């Protein structure tokens, strides 16, 4: 059974940091583009960051550039999202998603964070709350 499991969410004060993890089971992530998405109450799911299968390319939405860093450890079958200088507007449920499609990887490398509809495998999400 193919599964993605996110962890690392929680409550943090503005300016604080969290590291989210996305661990795969039932498949190896080293041939998959992985993206992080977030969804705040009443808002659409938003692409935050993506990383190519090799880890050599990554992309971020403008609102998190310079604050968030995506990385992957294929040996551990895990992708990470390090979030620094957190703001209240970062509050959301964070999801990771995986796609084996070359077109999705190309989009991540050359253009923008792919859309939710580009991904077939999703985790259950982890809540991140930034509040004083």
Foldseek 3Di string as FASTA:
>chain_A
DWAKAKDWADEAAQQAKIKMKIAIPPDQQLLKKKWKWWDDPPDDIGTAKIAHSNRPAMAGDPVQPPFWDWGDDRVRRMIMIIGGRDDQVVWTWMKMFIDNDPVQNCCRRPPHNDDPVRGDHMHPTDTHGYHD
